[in-house]
C-alpha cells in the first residue's frame, strides 16, 4: 500500500496502530475513515482471522445518541444473514470505552470507486450488481431494518466463492 506523507503522519499518530482492542483484535492498518469512526484491518487473535474493525471516534463516544445509534447498527447488521450483506462477527466496548464492530474484511472496491475507475458500466453488469444489492436490502426490509445510507460507496464490489462482481451491502446508517 502506497501512502502519502500526510497519510503516513496520520498513521504514525494513530494510537490504535499496533494495539490490541478488547484483548482479541490486533490492529494492523487503516482501511478508511468516515464521519463517525475509522475502519481498521485487524487480526482476530486466537482465530488468526483477518477482520474489518469499525471503531467509533473517541469524541463521539460521549454522545449518548451516537453511541445508541452505533450499537443499534451493530445489532441490526448482526441479524442479517444474506450473502450480499457484510457479516458482523462481534461488537462491544473496550476497557477504555471505545465502541467497535468486527466484520468480515472485504477485498475489492466500492461501486463508486469502480465507476470512477472504469467509467460507465455495461447495463448487464449494472443489473447483476444491483440485483444482488436489492436481495440483501429485501432481507433487511423483511426484518424491519431500513438502510438509511444507500449509495455507491456503501455497495462494495468484491470476489466471493469464485464469483467476481459480488456485491456486499455495508454501513446501514441506522437511525
N, C-alpha and C. Protein backbone atom coordinates (compact mmCIF):
# COMPACT_ATOMS: atom_id res chain seq x y z
N UNK A 1 0.85 -1.17 0.00
CA UNK A 1 0.00 0.00 0.00
C UNK A 1 0.89 1.23 0.00
N UNK A 2 0.68 2.12 -0.94
CA UNK A 2 1.44 3.36 -1.04
C UNK A 2 0.67 4.46 -0.31
N UNK A 3 1.35 5.17 0.59
CA UNK A 3 0.69 6.24 1.33
C UNK A 3 1.44 7.54 1.12
N UNK A 4 0.70 8.64 1.19
CA UNK A 4 1.30 9.97 1.07
C UNK A 4 1.95 10.34 2.39
N UNK A 5 2.73 11.42 2.38
CA UNK A 5 3.36 11.90 3.61
C UNK A 5 2.34 12.23 4.68
N UNK A 6 1.23 12.87 4.26
CA UNK A 6 0.16 13.23 5.20
C UNK A 6 -0.47 11.97 5.80
N UNK A 7 -0.75 10.96 4.95
CA UNK A 7 -1.33 9.71 5.44
C UNK A 7 -0.37 8.99 6.37
N UNK A 8 0.92 9.01 6.04
CA UNK A 8 1.92 8.36 6.88
C UNK A 8 1.95 9.01 8.26
N UNK A 9 1.92 10.33 8.31
CA UNK A 9 1.92 11.04 9.59
C UNK A 9 0.67 10.70 10.39
N UNK A 10 -0.47 10.61 9.72
CA UNK A 10 -1.72 10.26 10.41
C UNK A 10 -1.65 8.84 10.97
N UNK A 11 -1.08 7.91 10.20
CA UNK A 11 -0.94 6.54 10.68
C UNK A 11 -0.01 6.48 11.89
N UNK A 12 1.10 7.22 11.82
CA UNK A 12 2.05 7.21 12.94
C UNK A 12 1.45 7.81 14.20
N UNK A 13 0.56 8.79 14.02
CA UNK A 13 -0.03 9.45 15.18
C UNK A 13 -1.27 8.73 15.70
N UNK A 14 -1.71 7.69 15.05
CA UNK A 14 -2.90 6.95 15.46
C UNK A 14 -2.53 6.02 16.61
N UNK A 15 -3.04 6.27 17.80
CA UNK A 15 -2.66 5.45 18.95
C UNK A 15 -3.15 4.00 18.87
N UNK A 16 -4.07 3.73 17.96
CA UNK A 16 -4.58 2.36 17.85
C UNK A 16 -3.72 1.47 16.96
N UNK A 17 -2.85 2.09 16.15
CA UNK A 17 -1.99 1.29 15.27
C UNK A 17 -1.11 0.37 16.11
N UNK A 18 -1.20 -0.93 15.84
CA UNK A 18 -0.41 -1.91 16.56
C UNK A 18 -1.01 -2.33 17.89
N UNK A 19 -2.09 -1.69 18.31
CA UNK A 19 -2.72 -2.02 19.59
C UNK A 19 -3.60 -3.26 19.45
N UNK A 20 -3.93 -3.84 20.58
CA UNK A 20 -4.89 -4.94 20.62
C UNK A 20 -6.12 -4.45 21.36
N UNK A 21 -7.27 -4.44 20.69
CA UNK A 21 -8.52 -3.97 21.28
C UNK A 21 -9.30 -5.14 21.86
N UNK A 22 -9.89 -4.89 23.01
CA UNK A 22 -10.76 -5.85 23.68
C UNK A 22 -10.07 -7.19 23.91
N UNK A 23 -8.74 -7.18 23.91
CA UNK A 23 -7.99 -8.39 24.14
C UNK A 23 -8.02 -9.40 23.01
N UNK A 24 -8.67 -9.05 21.88
CA UNK A 24 -8.78 -10.04 20.81
C UNK A 24 -8.64 -9.52 19.39
N UNK A 25 -8.46 -8.23 19.19
CA UNK A 25 -8.30 -7.70 17.84
C UNK A 25 -7.01 -6.89 17.76
N UNK A 26 -6.02 -7.43 17.06
CA UNK A 26 -4.74 -6.75 16.89
C UNK A 26 -4.82 -5.90 15.62
N UNK A 27 -4.70 -4.59 15.77
CA UNK A 27 -4.85 -3.67 14.64
C UNK A 27 -3.57 -3.63 13.81
N UNK A 28 -3.75 -3.85 12.51
CA UNK A 28 -2.63 -3.94 11.57
C UNK A 28 -2.51 -2.69 10.71
N UNK A 29 -3.63 -2.13 10.28
CA UNK A 29 -3.59 -0.96 9.40
C UNK A 29 -4.95 -0.29 9.31
N UNK A 30 -4.97 0.84 8.67
CA UNK A 30 -6.20 1.60 8.50
C UNK A 30 -6.77 1.34 7.11
N UNK A 31 -8.07 1.06 7.07
CA UNK A 31 -8.78 0.83 5.81
C UNK A 31 -9.40 2.14 5.33
N UNK A 32 -10.01 2.88 6.26
CA UNK A 32 -10.66 4.13 5.88
C UNK A 32 -11.18 4.86 7.09
N UNK A 33 -11.51 6.13 6.88
CA UNK A 33 -12.03 6.96 7.96
C UNK A 33 -13.28 7.66 7.47
N UNK A 34 -14.30 7.68 8.31
CA UNK A 34 -15.55 8.36 7.98
C UNK A 34 -15.90 9.37 9.04
N UNK A 35 -17.09 9.89 8.96
CA UNK A 35 -17.52 10.91 9.89
C UNK A 35 -17.61 10.45 11.33
N UNK A 36 -18.04 9.21 11.54
CA UNK A 36 -18.24 8.72 12.90
C UNK A 36 -17.10 7.85 13.42
N UNK A 37 -16.27 7.33 12.52
CA UNK A 37 -15.24 6.43 13.01
C UNK A 37 -14.23 6.04 11.97
N UNK A 38 -13.41 5.10 12.36
CA UNK A 38 -12.34 4.60 11.49
C UNK A 38 -12.48 3.09 11.36
N UNK A 39 -12.22 2.59 10.17
CA UNK A 39 -12.23 1.15 9.94
C UNK A 39 -10.78 0.70 9.79
N UNK A 40 -10.43 -0.32 10.56
CA UNK A 40 -9.08 -0.86 10.56
C UNK A 40 -9.07 -2.28 10.05
N UNK A 41 -7.94 -2.68 9.49
CA UNK A 41 -7.67 -4.09 9.21
C UNK A 41 -7.08 -4.63 10.51
N UNK A 42 -7.64 -5.73 11.00
CA UNK A 42 -7.16 -6.30 12.26
C UNK A 42 -7.13 -7.81 12.15
N UNK A 43 -6.38 -8.42 13.05
CA UNK A 43 -6.37 -9.88 13.15
C UNK A 43 -7.09 -10.26 14.42
N UNK A 44 -8.03 -11.17 14.30
CA UNK A 44 -8.73 -11.67 15.48
C UNK A 44 -7.82 -12.71 16.13
N UNK A 45 -7.27 -12.32 17.27
CA UNK A 45 -6.32 -13.17 17.99
C UNK A 45 -7.01 -14.46 18.39
N UNK A 46 -6.30 -15.56 18.28
CA UNK A 46 -6.87 -16.86 18.63
C UNK A 46 -7.41 -17.58 17.42
N UNK A 47 -8.06 -16.86 16.54
CA UNK A 47 -8.59 -17.46 15.32
C UNK A 47 -7.70 -17.16 14.12
N UNK A 48 -6.79 -16.21 14.28
CA UNK A 48 -5.92 -15.78 13.19
C UNK A 48 -6.74 -15.41 11.96
N UNK A 49 -7.88 -14.76 12.19
CA UNK A 49 -8.78 -14.36 11.11
C UNK A 49 -8.65 -12.86 10.90
N UNK A 50 -8.52 -12.45 9.65
CA UNK A 50 -8.50 -11.02 9.33
C UNK A 50 -9.92 -10.49 9.40
N UNK A 51 -10.08 -9.33 10.01
CA UNK A 51 -11.39 -8.70 10.14
C UNK A 51 -11.27 -7.21 9.84
N UNK A 52 -12.41 -6.61 9.54
CA UNK A 52 -12.51 -5.16 9.47
C UNK A 52 -13.07 -4.73 10.82
N UNK A 53 -12.39 -3.82 11.48
CA UNK A 53 -12.79 -3.38 12.81
C UNK A 53 -13.19 -1.91 12.72
N UNK A 54 -14.49 -1.65 12.83
CA UNK A 54 -15.01 -0.28 12.80
C UNK A 54 -15.02 0.24 14.23
N UNK A 55 -14.28 1.33 14.47
CA UNK A 55 -14.15 1.89 15.81
C UNK A 55 -14.74 3.29 15.81
N UNK A 56 -15.68 3.51 16.72
CA UNK A 56 -16.30 4.82 16.85
C UNK A 56 -15.26 5.80 17.37
N UNK A 57 -15.22 7.00 16.80
CA UNK A 57 -14.28 8.01 17.26
C UNK A 57 -14.48 8.27 18.74
N UNK A 58 -13.39 8.45 19.47
CA UNK A 58 -13.44 8.63 20.92
C UNK A 58 -14.35 9.78 21.32
N UNK A 59 -14.27 10.90 20.58
CA UNK A 59 -15.10 12.05 20.94
C UNK A 59 -16.59 11.78 20.74
N UNK A 60 -16.92 10.89 19.80
CA UNK A 60 -18.32 10.55 19.55
C UNK A 60 -18.88 9.65 20.65
N UNK A 61 -18.00 8.97 21.38
CA UNK A 61 -18.46 8.04 22.41
C UNK A 61 -19.04 8.77 23.63
N UNK A 62 -18.93 10.10 23.66
CA UNK A 62 -19.51 10.87 24.76
C UNK A 62 -20.94 11.30 24.45
N UNK A 63 -21.37 11.10 23.20
CA UNK A 63 -22.72 11.47 22.79
C UNK A 63 -23.61 10.22 22.89
N UNK A 64 -24.53 10.23 23.82
CA UNK A 64 -25.36 9.04 24.06
C UNK A 64 -26.14 8.61 22.83
N UNK A 65 -26.65 9.57 22.06
CA UNK A 65 -27.42 9.22 20.86
C UNK A 65 -26.53 8.56 19.82
N UNK A 66 -25.32 9.06 19.63
CA UNK A 66 -24.39 8.45 18.67
C UNK A 66 -24.03 7.04 19.11
N UNK A 67 -23.77 6.86 20.39
CA UNK A 67 -23.44 5.53 20.92
C UNK A 67 -24.62 4.58 20.71
N UNK A 68 -25.83 5.04 21.00
CA UNK A 68 -27.01 4.20 20.83
C UNK A 68 -27.20 3.82 19.36
N UNK A 69 -26.97 4.78 18.46
CA UNK A 69 -27.11 4.51 17.02
C UNK A 69 -26.06 3.49 16.56
N UNK A 70 -24.83 3.63 17.03
CA UNK A 70 -23.75 2.70 16.69
C UNK A 70 -24.11 1.29 17.18
N UNK A 71 -24.61 1.19 18.38
CA UNK A 71 -24.99 -0.12 18.94
C UNK A 71 -26.18 -0.72 18.21
N UNK A 72 -27.16 0.13 17.82
CA UNK A 72 -28.30 -0.37 17.05
C UNK A 72 -27.85 -0.90 15.70
N UNK A 73 -26.89 -0.20 15.07
CA UNK A 73 -26.38 -0.65 13.78
C UNK A 73 -25.72 -2.02 13.92
N UNK A 74 -24.89 -2.19 14.94
CA UNK A 74 -24.21 -3.48 15.15
C UNK A 74 -25.23 -4.59 15.35
N UNK A 75 -26.22 -4.34 16.17
CA UNK A 75 -27.23 -5.37 16.46
C UNK A 75 -28.05 -5.70 15.21
N UNK A 76 -28.49 -4.66 14.51
CA UNK A 76 -29.30 -4.88 13.30
C UNK A 76 -28.52 -5.65 12.24
N UNK A 77 -27.28 -5.22 11.99
CA UNK A 77 -26.48 -5.89 10.95
C UNK A 77 -26.15 -7.32 11.34
N UNK A 78 -26.01 -7.60 12.63
CA UNK A 78 -25.68 -8.97 13.05
C UNK A 78 -26.85 -9.92 12.81
N UNK A 79 -28.06 -9.39 12.68
CA UNK A 79 -29.24 -10.23 12.43
C UNK A 79 -29.39 -10.59 10.96
N UNK A 80 -28.65 -9.92 10.09
CA UNK A 80 -28.78 -10.14 8.65
C UNK A 80 -27.87 -11.27 8.20
N UNK A 81 -28.43 -12.19 7.45
CA UNK A 81 -27.70 -13.40 7.05
C UNK A 81 -27.48 -13.50 5.54
N UNK A 82 -28.02 -12.57 4.78
CA UNK A 82 -27.90 -12.66 3.33
C UNK A 82 -26.45 -12.60 2.90
N UNK A 83 -26.08 -13.40 1.91
CA UNK A 83 -24.68 -13.45 1.45
C UNK A 83 -24.20 -12.12 0.88
N UNK A 84 -25.11 -11.25 0.51
CA UNK A 84 -24.72 -9.95 -0.05
C UNK A 84 -24.70 -8.83 0.99
N UNK A 85 -24.80 -9.19 2.25
CA UNK A 85 -24.67 -8.23 3.35
C UNK A 85 -23.38 -8.55 4.09
N UNK A 86 -22.60 -7.53 4.40
CA UNK A 86 -21.35 -7.75 5.15
C UNK A 86 -21.69 -8.45 6.47
N UNK A 87 -20.93 -9.48 6.81
CA UNK A 87 -21.17 -10.25 8.04
C UNK A 87 -20.56 -9.54 9.24
N UNK A 88 -21.32 -9.46 10.32
CA UNK A 88 -20.83 -8.91 11.58
C UNK A 88 -20.52 -10.08 12.49
N UNK A 89 -19.30 -10.08 13.04
CA UNK A 89 -18.86 -11.16 13.93
C UNK A 89 -19.04 -10.82 15.40
N UNK A 90 -18.86 -9.55 15.75
CA UNK A 90 -18.78 -9.18 17.16
C UNK A 90 -18.94 -7.67 17.27
N UNK A 91 -19.32 -7.21 18.43
CA UNK A 91 -19.30 -5.79 18.74
C UNK A 91 -19.17 -5.65 20.25
N UNK A 92 -18.76 -4.47 20.67
CA UNK A 92 -18.62 -4.26 22.10
C UNK A 92 -17.94 -2.95 22.42
N UNK A 93 -17.50 -2.87 23.66
CA UNK A 93 -16.82 -1.69 24.17
C UNK A 93 -15.53 -2.13 24.83
N UNK A 94 -14.44 -1.44 24.51
CA UNK A 94 -13.15 -1.78 25.12
C UNK A 94 -13.12 -1.30 26.56
N UNK A 95 -12.08 -1.73 27.27
CA UNK A 95 -11.90 -1.34 28.67
C UNK A 95 -11.86 0.18 28.84
N UNK A 96 -11.32 0.87 27.84
CA UNK A 96 -11.23 2.33 27.93
C UNK A 96 -12.36 3.06 27.20
N UNK A 97 -13.44 2.34 26.89
CA UNK A 97 -14.65 2.99 26.41
C UNK A 97 -14.82 3.15 24.91
N UNK A 98 -13.93 2.56 24.09
CA UNK A 98 -14.09 2.64 22.64
C UNK A 98 -15.10 1.59 22.18
N UNK A 99 -16.03 2.01 21.34
CA UNK A 99 -17.01 1.08 20.78
C UNK A 99 -16.50 0.57 19.44
N UNK A 100 -16.76 -0.71 19.16
CA UNK A 100 -16.27 -1.31 17.92
C UNK A 100 -17.28 -2.31 17.37
N UNK A 101 -17.16 -2.55 16.07
CA UNK A 101 -17.89 -3.61 15.39
C UNK A 101 -16.85 -4.38 14.57
N UNK A 102 -16.77 -5.69 14.77
CA UNK A 102 -15.88 -6.55 13.99
C UNK A 102 -16.69 -7.20 12.87
N UNK A 103 -16.22 -7.01 11.64
CA UNK A 103 -16.93 -7.51 10.46
C UNK A 103 -15.98 -8.26 9.55
N UNK A 104 -16.56 -8.94 8.57
CA UNK A 104 -15.71 -9.61 7.60
C UNK A 104 -14.90 -8.56 6.85
N UNK A 105 -13.64 -8.89 6.59
CA UNK A 105 -12.77 -8.00 5.83
C UNK A 105 -12.95 -8.31 4.36
N UNK A 106 -13.27 -7.29 3.59
CA UNK A 106 -13.53 -7.46 2.16
C UNK A 106 -12.38 -6.92 1.35
N UNK A 107 -12.06 -7.59 0.27
CA UNK A 107 -11.05 -7.13 -0.67
C UNK A 107 -11.77 -6.73 -1.95
N UNK A 108 -11.59 -5.52 -2.35
CA UNK A 108 -12.25 -5.03 -3.56
C UNK A 108 -12.35 -3.52 -3.50
N UNK A 109 -13.46 -2.99 -3.99
CA UNK A 109 -13.66 -1.54 -4.00
C UNK A 109 -15.14 -1.23 -4.00
N UNK A 110 -15.46 -0.02 -3.59
CA UNK A 110 -16.87 0.39 -3.60
C UNK A 110 -17.33 0.54 -5.05
N UNK A 111 -18.63 0.47 -5.23
CA UNK A 111 -19.20 0.67 -6.56
C UNK A 111 -18.84 2.06 -7.08
N UNK A 112 -18.80 3.03 -6.19
CA UNK A 112 -18.41 4.39 -6.58
C UNK A 112 -16.99 4.43 -7.12
N UNK A 113 -16.06 3.76 -6.43
CA UNK A 113 -14.67 3.70 -6.89
C UNK A 113 -14.57 2.97 -8.23
N UNK A 114 -15.33 1.89 -8.37
CA UNK A 114 -15.32 1.13 -9.62
C UNK A 114 -15.76 1.99 -10.80
N UNK A 115 -16.83 2.75 -10.61
CA UNK A 115 -17.34 3.61 -11.69
C UNK A 115 -16.36 4.74 -12.00
N UNK A 116 -15.75 5.31 -10.96
CA UNK A 116 -14.75 6.36 -11.21
C UNK A 116 -13.55 5.81 -11.98
N UNK A 117 -13.18 4.56 -11.69
CA UNK A 117 -12.02 3.95 -12.34
C UNK A 117 -12.34 3.47 -13.76
N UNK A 118 -13.51 2.86 -13.96
CA UNK A 118 -13.84 2.25 -15.26
C UNK A 118 -14.78 3.08 -16.11
N UNK A 119 -15.45 4.05 -15.52
CA UNK A 119 -16.46 4.80 -16.26
C UNK A 119 -17.78 4.05 -16.23
N UNK A 120 -18.66 4.42 -17.14
CA UNK A 120 -19.99 3.80 -17.18
C UNK A 120 -19.87 2.29 -17.35
N UNK A 121 -20.66 1.55 -16.57
CA UNK A 121 -20.64 0.09 -16.64
C UNK A 121 -21.67 -0.40 -17.64
N UNK A 122 -21.43 -1.58 -18.19
CA UNK A 122 -22.37 -2.19 -19.12
C UNK A 122 -23.70 -2.44 -18.40
N UNK A 123 -24.82 -2.23 -19.10
CA UNK A 123 -26.14 -2.41 -18.46
C UNK A 123 -26.32 -3.77 -17.78
N UNK A 124 -25.83 -4.85 -18.43
CA UNK A 124 -25.99 -6.20 -17.84
C UNK A 124 -25.25 -6.29 -16.52
N UNK A 125 -24.09 -5.66 -16.45
CA UNK A 125 -23.29 -5.68 -15.23
C UNK A 125 -23.99 -4.90 -14.12
N UNK A 126 -24.56 -3.76 -14.47
CA UNK A 126 -25.30 -2.94 -13.50
C UNK A 126 -26.49 -3.73 -12.96
N UNK A 127 -27.22 -4.38 -13.85
CA UNK A 127 -28.38 -5.19 -13.42
C UNK A 127 -27.92 -6.28 -12.45
N UNK A 128 -26.83 -6.97 -12.77
CA UNK A 128 -26.30 -8.03 -11.89
C UNK A 128 -25.95 -7.47 -10.52
N UNK A 129 -25.20 -6.38 -10.48
CA UNK A 129 -24.75 -5.80 -9.22
C UNK A 129 -25.93 -5.31 -8.38
N UNK A 130 -26.84 -4.60 -9.00
CA UNK A 130 -27.96 -4.03 -8.25
C UNK A 130 -28.99 -5.08 -7.86
N UNK A 131 -29.08 -6.17 -8.61
CA UNK A 131 -29.95 -7.28 -8.21
C UNK A 131 -29.43 -7.89 -6.92
N UNK A 132 -28.12 -8.10 -6.83
CA UNK A 132 -27.52 -8.62 -5.60
C UNK A 132 -27.79 -7.69 -4.42
N UNK A 133 -27.57 -6.40 -4.64
CA UNK A 133 -27.80 -5.42 -3.57
C UNK A 133 -29.27 -5.41 -3.16
N UNK A 134 -30.16 -5.51 -4.14
CA UNK A 134 -31.60 -5.50 -3.85
C UNK A 134 -32.02 -6.70 -3.02
N UNK A 135 -31.41 -7.85 -3.27
CA UNK A 135 -31.73 -9.05 -2.48
C UNK A 135 -31.31 -8.87 -1.03
N UNK A 136 -30.15 -8.28 -0.82
CA UNK A 136 -29.69 -8.04 0.55
C UNK A 136 -30.62 -7.04 1.25
N UNK A 137 -31.00 -5.98 0.54
CA UNK A 137 -31.89 -4.98 1.12
C UNK A 137 -33.28 -5.56 1.39
N UNK A 138 -33.73 -6.49 0.54
CA UNK A 138 -35.03 -7.13 0.76
C UNK A 138 -35.03 -7.92 2.07
N UNK A 139 -33.93 -8.64 2.35
CA UNK A 139 -33.86 -9.37 3.61
C UNK A 139 -33.92 -8.39 4.78
N UNK A 140 -33.18 -7.29 4.67
CA UNK A 140 -33.19 -6.29 5.75
C UNK A 140 -34.60 -5.75 5.95
N UNK A 141 -35.27 -5.41 4.89
CA UNK A 141 -36.63 -4.85 4.99
C UNK A 141 -37.58 -5.88 5.58
N UNK A 142 -37.42 -7.16 5.20
CA UNK A 142 -38.27 -8.21 5.77
C UNK A 142 -38.10 -8.31 7.28
N UNK A 143 -36.94 -7.91 7.78
CA UNK A 143 -36.66 -7.95 9.22
C UNK A 143 -36.90 -6.60 9.89
N UNK A 144 -37.49 -5.65 9.14
CA UNK A 144 -37.81 -4.35 9.70
C UNK A 144 -36.62 -3.40 9.79
N UNK A 145 -35.56 -3.68 9.03
CA UNK A 145 -34.35 -2.85 9.05
C UNK A 145 -34.30 -2.05 7.76
N UNK A 146 -34.17 -0.74 7.90
CA UNK A 146 -34.10 0.15 6.74
C UNK A 146 -32.67 0.67 6.61
N UNK A 147 -32.09 0.51 5.43
CA UNK A 147 -30.76 1.06 5.15
C UNK A 147 -30.96 2.55 4.91
N UNK A 148 -30.38 3.37 5.76
CA UNK A 148 -30.61 4.81 5.69
C UNK A 148 -29.48 5.57 5.00
N UNK A 149 -28.57 4.83 4.38
CA UNK A 149 -27.43 5.50 3.73
C UNK A 149 -27.01 4.73 2.48
N UNK A 150 -27.98 4.31 1.69
CA UNK A 150 -27.66 3.53 0.50
C UNK A 150 -27.08 4.47 -0.56
N UNK A 151 -25.88 4.16 -0.99
CA UNK A 151 -25.17 4.94 -2.01
C UNK A 151 -24.07 4.06 -2.56
N UNK A 152 -23.46 4.49 -3.65
CA UNK A 152 -22.44 3.68 -4.32
C UNK A 152 -21.27 3.35 -3.40
N UNK A 153 -20.94 4.22 -2.46
CA UNK A 153 -19.81 3.97 -1.55
C UNK A 153 -20.14 2.88 -0.53
N UNK A 154 -21.43 2.59 -0.32
CA UNK A 154 -21.83 1.55 0.63
C UNK A 154 -22.23 0.25 -0.07
N UNK A 155 -21.92 0.15 -1.35
CA UNK A 155 -22.06 -1.09 -2.11
C UNK A 155 -20.66 -1.50 -2.52
N UNK A 156 -20.17 -2.60 -1.96
CA UNK A 156 -18.78 -3.00 -2.13
C UNK A 156 -18.71 -4.14 -3.13
N UNK A 157 -17.89 -3.97 -4.16
CA UNK A 157 -17.73 -4.98 -5.22
C UNK A 157 -16.49 -5.80 -4.90
N UNK A 158 -16.68 -7.11 -4.74
CA UNK A 158 -15.56 -7.97 -4.37
C UNK A 158 -15.69 -9.32 -5.06
N UNK A 159 -14.80 -10.23 -4.72
CA UNK A 159 -14.86 -11.61 -5.19
C UNK A 159 -15.28 -12.47 -4.02
N UNK A 160 -16.18 -13.41 -4.25
CA UNK A 160 -16.63 -14.29 -3.17
C UNK A 160 -17.01 -15.63 -3.76
N UNK A 161 -16.46 -16.67 -3.16
CA UNK A 161 -16.80 -18.02 -3.61
C UNK A 161 -16.53 -18.26 -5.08
N UNK A 162 -15.48 -17.65 -5.61
CA UNK A 162 -15.15 -17.82 -7.01
C UNK A 162 -15.94 -16.94 -7.95
N UNK A 163 -16.84 -16.15 -7.41
CA UNK A 163 -17.66 -15.26 -8.24
C UNK A 163 -17.09 -13.85 -8.18
N UNK A 164 -16.90 -13.25 -9.35
CA UNK A 164 -16.46 -11.86 -9.38
C UNK A 164 -17.70 -10.97 -9.44
N UNK A 165 -17.49 -9.68 -9.25
CA UNK A 165 -18.61 -8.73 -9.24
C UNK A 165 -19.67 -9.14 -8.21
N UNK A 166 -19.22 -9.49 -7.04
CA UNK A 166 -20.10 -9.87 -5.94
C UNK A 166 -20.29 -8.65 -5.05
N UNK A 167 -21.51 -8.24 -4.84
CA UNK A 167 -21.82 -7.04 -4.04
C UNK A 167 -22.00 -7.42 -2.58
N UNK A 168 -21.45 -6.56 -1.71
CA UNK A 168 -21.73 -6.63 -0.28
C UNK A 168 -22.28 -5.27 0.13
N UNK A 169 -23.41 -5.26 0.80
CA UNK A 169 -24.02 -4.03 1.28
C UNK A 169 -23.41 -3.72 2.65
N UNK A 170 -22.95 -2.48 2.81
CA UNK A 170 -22.27 -2.05 4.03
C UNK A 170 -23.01 -0.91 4.72
N UNK A 171 -22.58 -0.59 5.91
CA UNK A 171 -22.85 0.66 6.61
C UNK A 171 -24.30 1.12 6.53
N UNK A 172 -25.15 0.50 7.31
CA UNK A 172 -26.58 0.73 7.22
C UNK A 172 -27.06 2.09 7.70
N UNK A 173 -26.22 2.84 8.41
CA UNK A 173 -26.60 4.17 8.84
C UNK A 173 -27.90 4.16 9.65
N UNK A 174 -28.04 3.21 10.54
CA UNK A 174 -29.26 3.06 11.35
C UNK A 174 -29.49 4.32 12.18
N UNK A 175 -30.73 4.77 12.19
CA UNK A 175 -31.07 5.97 12.97
C UNK A 175 -31.61 5.58 14.33
